[in-house]
Amino acid sequence: MKISNKNKYTQLLVYLIVLFFFLPISEYSPLINFIFPLSFFFTIISAINTLNFSKKIITVFYLIAGLSCLTDLMNMYFQSYLDELLAMITTVFDCIFLIFSIITISQKINVETTVNNDVIRGGICIYLMLGILWFLFYKVIYFFDVNAFHFPEWKSPQVNINLFYFSFVTLTTVGYGDITPINNYAMILSNLEALCGQLFPAIFIGILVSLYKK
């Protein structure tokens, strides 16, 4: 049975919100720490479901997303360089899935003729996925340069939590300054994320106003 765009956006939005709840408490609970990669996997699957590709391509995307989840789980118990490298490769594919999903939802919003729940849900999903996308970018940079970011000593020792937090602080242009990029690529990416964090809400609100006037 074909899933409507409405259900796709709702499902994706739910998983995105769940992801926010699981990540901060994963540091304190081994069970949640195990569940977090699974919740991220379902988030990526929901993002893939928004894409307009053939069933064969979608199936391949599912397999790659499954491999990504498997490598994340393996990294919880094995810390070899090969495992980390494989995890980074699958992280790059996760980035590609999110980029495709952001573009697809944006295109669907642009062809809407009225303001409706689909448009609003889609816009929220895009904004949250932008933060997650940059979080993955930062993970890739950190893999190649562990000194790419300066973390205060009192911060959580879990890099994922710190980079996730830094991504959304940058996206929302809050800029607390507790975590700072040192690597040149990290600095440029954080600037680009801040620009997206300012431009996307302005553009999206402009689209809503224009649709409302129609």
Protein backbone atom coordinates (compact mmCIF):
# COMPACT_ATOMS: atom_id res chain seq x y z
CA MET A 1 0.00 0.00 0.00
CA LYS A 2 1.36 3.39 -1.00
CA ILE A 3 2.02 5.80 1.88
CA SER A 4 0.68 9.29 1.34
CA ASN A 5 2.94 12.33 1.66
CA LYS A 6 0.98 13.34 4.73
CA ASN A 7 1.82 10.08 6.51
CA LYS A 8 5.42 10.25 5.29
CA TYR A 9 5.95 13.69 6.76
CA THR A 10 4.19 12.79 10.01
CA GLN A 11 6.25 9.64 10.45
CA LEU A 12 9.48 11.45 9.66
CA LEU A 13 8.66 14.28 12.06
CA VAL A 14 7.89 11.81 14.87
CA TYR A 15 11.20 10.00 14.41
CA LEU A 16 13.09 13.30 14.29
CA ILE A 17 11.54 14.36 17.59
CA VAL A 18 12.20 10.94 19.17
CA LEU A 19 15.83 11.27 18.11
CA PHE A 20 16.11 14.46 20.17
CA PHE A 21 14.85 12.67 23.28
CA PHE A 22 17.04 9.59 22.95
CA LEU A 23 20.37 11.30 22.28
CA PRO A 24 20.88 13.26 25.54
CA ILE A 25 19.90 10.34 27.80
CA SER A 26 21.90 7.75 25.83
CA GLU A 27 24.96 8.79 27.86
CA TYR A 28 23.37 7.59 31.09
CA SER A 29 21.63 4.39 29.97
CA PRO A 30 23.32 1.47 28.14
CA LEU A 31 19.92 0.41 26.83
CA ILE A 32 19.17 3.85 25.36
CA ASN A 33 22.70 3.96 24.01
CA PHE A 34 21.83 0.78 22.12
CA ILE A 35 18.44 2.09 20.99
CA PHE A 36 19.76 5.40 19.65
CA PRO A 37 21.34 3.91 16.47
CA LEU A 38 18.05 2.12 15.85
CA SER A 39 16.04 5.34 16.20
CA PHE A 40 18.48 7.05 13.83
CA PHE A 41 18.04 4.15 11.40
CA PHE A 42 14.25 4.58 11.37
CA THR A 43 14.72 8.33 10.90
CA ILE A 44 16.84 7.68 7.81
CA ILE A 45 14.31 5.11 6.55
CA SER A 46 11.52 7.69 6.95
CA ALA A 47 13.64 10.21 5.04
CA ILE A 48 14.18 7.65 2.27
CA ASN A 49 10.41 7.06 2.08
CA THR A 50 9.92 10.67 1.01
CA LEU A 51 12.05 10.15 -2.11
CA ASN A 52 10.64 9.70 -5.61
CA PHE A 53 12.88 6.89 -6.83
CA SER A 54 12.11 3.44 -8.25
CA LYS A 55 11.50 0.55 -5.86
CA LYS A 56 14.84 -1.03 -6.76
CA ILE A 57 16.78 2.12 -5.87
CA ILE A 58 14.79 2.57 -2.66
CA THR A 59 15.57 -1.05 -1.74
CA VAL A 60 19.28 -0.40 -2.24
CA PHE A 61 18.96 2.70 -0.05
CA TYR A 62 17.29 0.55 2.64
CA LEU A 63 20.20 -1.90 2.56
CA ILE A 64 22.76 0.88 2.86
CA ALA A 65 20.81 2.42 5.75
CA GLY A 66 20.74 -0.99 7.43
CA LEU A 67 24.51 -1.29 6.98
CA SER A 68 24.89 2.16 8.52
CA CYS A 69 22.89 1.08 11.56
CA LEU A 70 24.94 -2.11 11.86
CA THR A 71 28.24 -0.23 11.78
CA ASP A 72 26.98 2.17 14.46
CA LEU A 73 26.10 -0.77 16.69
CA MET A 74 29.46 -2.44 16.01
CA ASN A 75 31.29 0.74 17.01
CA MET A 76 29.69 0.50 20.43
CA TYR A 77 31.63 -2.71 21.10
CA PHE A 78 34.57 -2.61 18.68
CA GLN A 79 36.82 0.39 18.26
CA SER A 80 39.07 -0.72 15.42
CA TYR A 81 40.05 1.71 12.68
CA LEU A 82 38.35 -0.46 10.05
CA ASP A 83 35.03 -0.33 11.92
CA GLU A 84 35.30 3.44 12.28
CA LEU A 85 36.19 3.84 8.60
CA LEU A 86 33.20 1.74 7.54
CA ALA A 87 31.00 3.82 9.85
CA MET A 88 32.24 7.01 8.18
CA ILE A 89 31.51 5.62 4.72
CA THR A 90 27.95 4.79 5.71
CA THR A 91 27.65 8.21 7.38
CA VAL A 92 28.40 9.77 3.99
CA PHE A 93 25.51 7.76 2.52
CA ASP A 94 23.26 8.98 5.34
CA CYS A 95 24.22 12.52 4.33
CA ILE A 96 23.22 11.76 0.75
CA PHE A 97 19.85 10.37 1.86
CA LEU A 98 19.13 13.48 3.92
CA ILE A 99 20.17 15.81 1.09
CA PHE A 100 17.89 13.98 -1.36
CA SER A 101 15.04 14.05 1.15
CA ILE A 102 15.48 17.78 1.85
CA ILE A 103 15.46 18.53 -1.89
CA THR A 104 12.43 16.29 -2.51
CA ILE A 105 10.33 17.79 0.30
CA SER A 106 11.34 21.31 -0.78
CA GLN A 107 10.17 20.60 -4.32
CA LYS A 108 6.85 19.24 -3.05
CA ILE A 109 6.32 22.32 -0.88
CA ASN A 110 7.06 24.62 -3.82
CA VAL A 111 4.26 23.08 -5.92
CA GLU A 112 1.65 23.44 -3.18
CA THR A 113 -1.07 25.99 -3.84
CA THR A 114 -2.38 26.48 -0.29
CA VAL A 115 -1.09 26.48 3.27
CA ASN A 116 -1.88 23.08 4.79
CA ASN A 117 -0.56 20.68 7.40
CA ASP A 118 1.65 18.93 4.83
CA VAL A 119 3.47 22.17 4.06
CA ILE A 120 4.03 22.96 7.73
CA ARG A 121 5.13 19.43 8.64
CA GLY A 122 7.41 19.30 5.62
CA GLY A 123 9.03 22.62 6.52
CA ILE A 124 9.68 21.53 10.11
CA CYS A 125 11.18 18.24 8.86
CA ILE A 126 13.53 20.11 6.53
CA TYR A 127 14.74 22.39 9.32
CA LEU A 128 15.43 19.50 11.68
CA MET A 129 17.11 17.46 8.95
CA LEU A 130 19.41 20.39 8.18
CA GLY A 131 20.68 20.24 11.76
CA ILE A 132 21.16 16.47 11.57
CA LEU A 133 22.85 16.77 8.17
CA TRP A 134 25.45 19.19 9.52
CA PHE A 135 25.91 16.96 12.58
CA LEU A 136 26.93 14.19 10.17
CA PHE A 137 29.24 16.59 8.32
CA TYR A 138 30.94 17.42 11.60
CA LYS A 139 31.29 13.71 12.41
CA VAL A 140 33.16 13.15 9.15
CA ILE A 141 35.49 16.08 9.86
CA TYR A 142 36.10 14.83 13.41
CA PHE A 143 37.01 11.40 12.04
CA PHE A 144 39.86 12.89 10.01
CA ASP A 145 40.85 15.47 12.63
CA VAL A 146 40.08 14.80 16.30
CA ASN A 147 41.26 18.33 17.10
CA ALA A 148 38.79 19.94 14.70
CA PHE A 149 36.66 21.16 17.63
CA HIS A 150 37.50 22.51 21.04
CA PHE A 151 35.40 20.87 23.75
CA PRO A 152 35.44 22.25 27.32
CA GLU A 153 36.63 19.78 29.95
CA TRP A 154 33.26 19.81 31.67
CA LYS A 155 31.44 18.74 28.52
CA SER A 156 30.11 15.21 27.95
CA PRO A 157 32.84 12.79 26.78
CA GLN A 158 30.50 11.50 24.06
CA VAL A 159 31.44 13.18 20.80
CA ASN A 160 28.05 12.50 19.14
CA ILE A 161 26.20 14.44 21.84
CA ASN A 162 28.61 17.35 21.63
CA LEU A 163 28.54 17.58 17.82
CA PHE A 164 24.74 17.18 17.70
CA TYR A 165 24.38 19.96 20.25
CA PHE A 166 26.89 22.17 18.41
CA SER A 167 25.07 21.64 15.11
CA PHE A 168 21.70 22.86 16.38
CA VAL A 169 23.21 25.69 18.41
CA THR A 170 24.85 26.85 15.17
CA LEU A 171 21.73 26.27 13.04
CA THR A 172 19.62 28.37 15.38
CA THR A 173 22.47 30.95 15.57
CA VAL A 174 22.37 30.86 19.38
CA GLY A 175 26.16 30.65 19.54
CA TYR A 176 26.92 29.91 23.21
CA GLY A 177 30.61 29.59 22.38
CA ASP A 178 31.26 26.58 24.64
CA ILE A 179 32.20 24.43 21.63
CA THR A 180 34.21 26.07 18.90
CA PRO A 181 35.47 24.82 15.51
CA ILE A 182 39.23 24.98 15.00
CA ASN A 183 39.67 23.09 11.75
CA ASN A 184 39.29 25.31 8.64
CA TYR A 185 36.67 23.03 7.08
CA ALA A 186 34.74 22.90 10.34
CA MET A 187 34.76 26.70 10.56
CA ILE A 188 33.51 27.14 7.00
CA LEU A 189 30.80 24.49 7.47
CA SER A 190 29.61 26.12 10.68
CA ASN A 191 29.35 29.45 8.86
CA LEU A 192 27.30 27.82 6.10
CA GLU A 193 25.03 26.16 8.66
CA ALA A 194 24.42 29.48 10.39
CA LEU A 195 23.49 31.01 7.03
CA CYS A 196 21.06 28.16 6.36
CA GLY A 197 19.64 28.61 9.84
CA GLN A 198 18.83 32.24 9.04
CA LEU A 199 17.80 31.90 5.40
CA PHE A 200 15.56 28.83 5.59
CA PRO A 201 13.04 30.22 8.13
CA ALA A 202 12.88 33.52 6.21
CA ILE A 203 12.31 31.76 2.87
CA PHE A 204 9.85 29.25 4.33
CA ILE A 205 7.81 31.98 6.03
CA GLY A 206 7.81 33.87 2.71
CA ILE A 207 6.42 30.76 0.99
CA LEU A 208 3.71 30.41 3.63
CA VAL A 209 2.70 34.06 3.24
CA SER A 210 2.55 33.78 -0.55
CA LEU A 211 0.48 30.58 -0.37
CA TYR A 212 -1.86 32.15 2.18
CA LYS A 213 -2.46 35.15 -0.08
CA LYS A 214 -3.38 32.79 -2.93
